[in-house]
């Protein structure tokens, strides 16, 4: 978006270590709904229930 708004802007993206990373629940649900691997991002007991909930839900919900 920066490049679209002003071509002379240079953007640098630095990845953080997982222990400092913030993940939104929306992102986790989106990954699960597409069958992506969410192991290690949520507690182990949540993984199967989240997959079941996200896969069963229609995309528009």
N, C-alpha and C. Protein backbone atom coordinates (compact mmCIF):
# COMPACT_ATOMS: atom_id res chain seq x y z
N UNK A 1 0.82 -1.19 0.00
CA UNK A 1 0.00 0.00 0.00
C UNK A 1 0.87 1.25 0.00
N UNK A 2 1.99 1.21 0.74
CA UNK A 2 2.88 2.37 0.75
C UNK A 2 3.34 2.72 -0.65
N UNK A 3 3.72 1.72 -1.42
CA UNK A 3 4.21 1.95 -2.78
C UNK A 3 3.12 2.56 -3.65
N UNK A 4 1.90 2.13 -3.47
CA UNK A 4 0.78 2.67 -4.23
C UNK A 4 0.55 4.13 -3.88
N UNK A 5 0.65 4.45 -2.59
CA UNK A 5 0.41 5.83 -2.15
C UNK A 5 1.56 6.76 -2.50
N UNK A 6 2.80 6.28 -2.29
CA UNK A 6 3.98 7.11 -2.58
C UNK A 6 5.11 6.19 -3.01
N UNK A 7 5.42 6.20 -4.28
CA UNK A 7 6.40 5.26 -4.84
C UNK A 7 7.79 5.38 -4.23
N UNK A 8 8.15 6.54 -3.70
CA UNK A 8 9.50 6.71 -3.15
C UNK A 8 9.66 6.13 -1.74
N UNK A 9 8.58 5.70 -1.13
CA UNK A 9 8.66 5.11 0.22
C UNK A 9 9.20 3.68 0.11
N UNK A 10 10.19 3.36 0.91
CA UNK A 10 10.73 2.00 1.00
C UNK A 10 10.20 1.37 2.29
N UNK A 11 9.68 0.17 2.21
CA UNK A 11 9.13 -0.52 3.37
C UNK A 11 10.01 -1.71 3.71
N UNK A 12 10.35 -1.85 4.98
CA UNK A 12 11.13 -2.99 5.46
C UNK A 12 10.28 -3.73 6.47
N UNK A 13 10.18 -5.04 6.32
CA UNK A 13 9.39 -5.87 7.20
C UNK A 13 10.32 -6.79 7.97
N UNK A 14 10.33 -6.68 9.29
CA UNK A 14 11.17 -7.52 10.13
C UNK A 14 10.30 -8.51 10.90
N UNK A 15 10.62 -9.78 10.75
CA UNK A 15 9.87 -10.82 11.47
C UNK A 15 10.39 -10.93 12.90
N UNK A 16 9.47 -11.12 13.83
CA UNK A 16 9.82 -11.28 15.23
C UNK A 16 9.88 -12.76 15.59
N UNK A 17 10.46 -13.05 16.71
CA UNK A 17 10.45 -14.40 17.25
C UNK A 17 9.01 -14.73 17.68
N UNK A 18 8.65 -16.01 17.63
CA UNK A 18 7.29 -16.42 17.99
C UNK A 18 6.88 -15.95 19.38
N UNK A 19 7.82 -15.91 20.32
CA UNK A 19 7.44 -15.54 21.69
C UNK A 19 7.02 -14.07 21.80
N UNK A 20 7.34 -13.25 20.82
CA UNK A 20 6.96 -11.84 20.83
C UNK A 20 5.84 -11.52 19.85
N UNK A 21 5.40 -12.52 19.13
CA UNK A 21 4.44 -12.31 18.05
C UNK A 21 3.01 -12.22 18.58
N UNK A 22 2.22 -11.35 17.99
CA UNK A 22 0.80 -11.23 18.31
C UNK A 22 0.02 -11.84 17.16
N UNK A 23 -0.90 -12.72 17.47
CA UNK A 23 -1.76 -13.31 16.46
C UNK A 23 -3.21 -13.00 16.78
N UNK A 24 -3.95 -12.57 15.82
CA UNK A 24 -5.37 -12.30 16.05
C UNK A 24 -6.16 -13.59 15.90
N UNK A 25 -7.25 -13.69 16.64
CA UNK A 25 -8.10 -14.87 16.53
C UNK A 25 -8.70 -14.98 15.14
N UNK A 26 -8.92 -13.86 14.48
CA UNK A 26 -9.46 -13.87 13.12
C UNK A 26 -8.49 -14.55 12.17
N UNK A 27 -7.21 -14.26 12.31
CA UNK A 27 -6.21 -14.88 11.45
C UNK A 27 -6.14 -16.39 11.70
N UNK A 28 -6.17 -16.80 12.96
CA UNK A 28 -6.12 -18.23 13.30
C UNK A 28 -7.34 -18.94 12.70
N UNK A 29 -8.51 -18.36 12.83
CA UNK A 29 -9.73 -18.97 12.29
C UNK A 29 -9.68 -19.04 10.76
N UNK A 30 -9.12 -18.03 10.13
CA UNK A 30 -9.00 -18.02 8.67
C UNK A 30 -8.08 -19.15 8.20
N UNK A 31 -6.95 -19.31 8.86
CA UNK A 31 -6.01 -20.38 8.51
C UNK A 31 -6.67 -21.74 8.70
N UNK A 32 -7.36 -21.93 9.83
CA UNK A 32 -8.03 -23.21 10.10
C UNK A 32 -9.12 -23.49 9.08
N UNK A 33 -9.87 -22.47 8.67
CA UNK A 33 -10.96 -22.68 7.71
C UNK A 33 -10.46 -23.12 6.34
N UNK A 34 -9.20 -22.82 6.05
CA UNK A 34 -8.59 -23.26 4.78
C UNK A 34 -7.73 -24.51 4.95
N UNK A 35 -7.81 -25.13 6.14
CA UNK A 35 -7.09 -26.36 6.38
C UNK A 35 -5.62 -26.18 6.71
N UNK A 36 -5.20 -24.95 7.02
CA UNK A 36 -3.80 -24.68 7.36
C UNK A 36 -3.44 -25.22 8.73
N UNK A 37 -2.16 -25.32 9.00
CA UNK A 37 -1.65 -25.87 10.25
C UNK A 37 -1.67 -24.80 11.34
N UNK A 38 -2.49 -25.01 12.38
CA UNK A 38 -2.56 -24.07 13.50
C UNK A 38 -1.94 -24.66 14.77
N UNK A 39 -1.34 -25.84 14.65
CA UNK A 39 -0.68 -26.47 15.81
C UNK A 39 0.44 -25.56 16.30
N UNK A 40 0.52 -25.38 17.59
CA UNK A 40 1.53 -24.52 18.18
C UNK A 40 1.10 -23.07 18.28
N UNK A 41 0.00 -22.71 17.63
CA UNK A 41 -0.52 -21.35 17.69
C UNK A 41 -1.65 -21.22 18.70
N UNK A 42 -2.28 -22.34 19.00
CA UNK A 42 -3.33 -22.41 20.02
C UNK A 42 -3.05 -23.65 20.87
N UNK A 43 -3.66 -23.76 22.06
CA UNK A 43 -3.45 -24.96 22.88
C UNK A 43 -3.85 -26.23 22.13
N UNK A 44 -3.14 -27.32 22.38
CA UNK A 44 -3.40 -28.59 21.69
C UNK A 44 -4.85 -29.04 21.80
N UNK A 45 -5.48 -28.80 22.94
CA UNK A 45 -6.87 -29.24 23.14
C UNK A 45 -7.85 -28.44 22.27
N UNK A 46 -7.44 -27.29 21.80
CA UNK A 46 -8.31 -26.42 21.00
C UNK A 46 -8.27 -26.77 19.51
N UNK A 47 -7.16 -27.30 19.05
CA UNK A 47 -6.94 -27.54 17.61
C UNK A 47 -8.08 -28.31 16.95
N UNK A 48 -8.45 -29.52 17.42
CA UNK A 48 -9.50 -30.27 16.71
C UNK A 48 -10.86 -29.57 16.76
N UNK A 49 -11.16 -28.93 17.87
CA UNK A 49 -12.46 -28.23 17.98
C UNK A 49 -12.52 -27.02 17.06
N UNK A 50 -11.41 -26.32 16.94
CA UNK A 50 -11.38 -25.15 16.07
C UNK A 50 -11.50 -25.55 14.61
N UNK A 51 -10.80 -26.63 14.22
CA UNK A 51 -10.95 -27.13 12.85
C UNK A 51 -12.40 -27.51 12.58
N UNK A 52 -13.01 -28.24 13.51
CA UNK A 52 -14.40 -28.68 13.33
C UNK A 52 -15.33 -27.48 13.20
N UNK A 53 -15.11 -26.47 14.00
CA UNK A 53 -15.97 -25.28 13.96
C UNK A 53 -15.77 -24.46 12.68
N UNK A 54 -14.53 -24.27 12.30
CA UNK A 54 -14.24 -23.42 11.14
C UNK A 54 -14.59 -24.09 9.82
N UNK A 55 -14.37 -25.37 9.72
CA UNK A 55 -14.68 -26.08 8.48
C UNK A 55 -16.19 -26.23 8.30
N UNK A 56 -16.92 -26.39 9.41
CA UNK A 56 -18.37 -26.55 9.35
C UNK A 56 -19.07 -25.23 9.02
N UNK A 57 -18.42 -24.12 9.29
CA UNK A 57 -19.03 -22.80 9.09
C UNK A 57 -18.88 -22.36 7.64
N UNK A 58 -19.95 -21.86 7.03
CA UNK A 58 -19.84 -21.34 5.66
C UNK A 58 -18.91 -20.12 5.63
N UNK A 59 -18.28 -19.87 4.50
CA UNK A 59 -17.33 -18.75 4.35
C UNK A 59 -17.96 -17.40 4.67
N UNK A 60 -19.24 -17.21 4.36
CA UNK A 60 -19.86 -15.91 4.55
C UNK A 60 -20.31 -15.64 5.97
N UNK A 61 -20.21 -16.60 6.87
CA UNK A 61 -20.68 -16.41 8.25
C UNK A 61 -19.71 -15.61 9.06
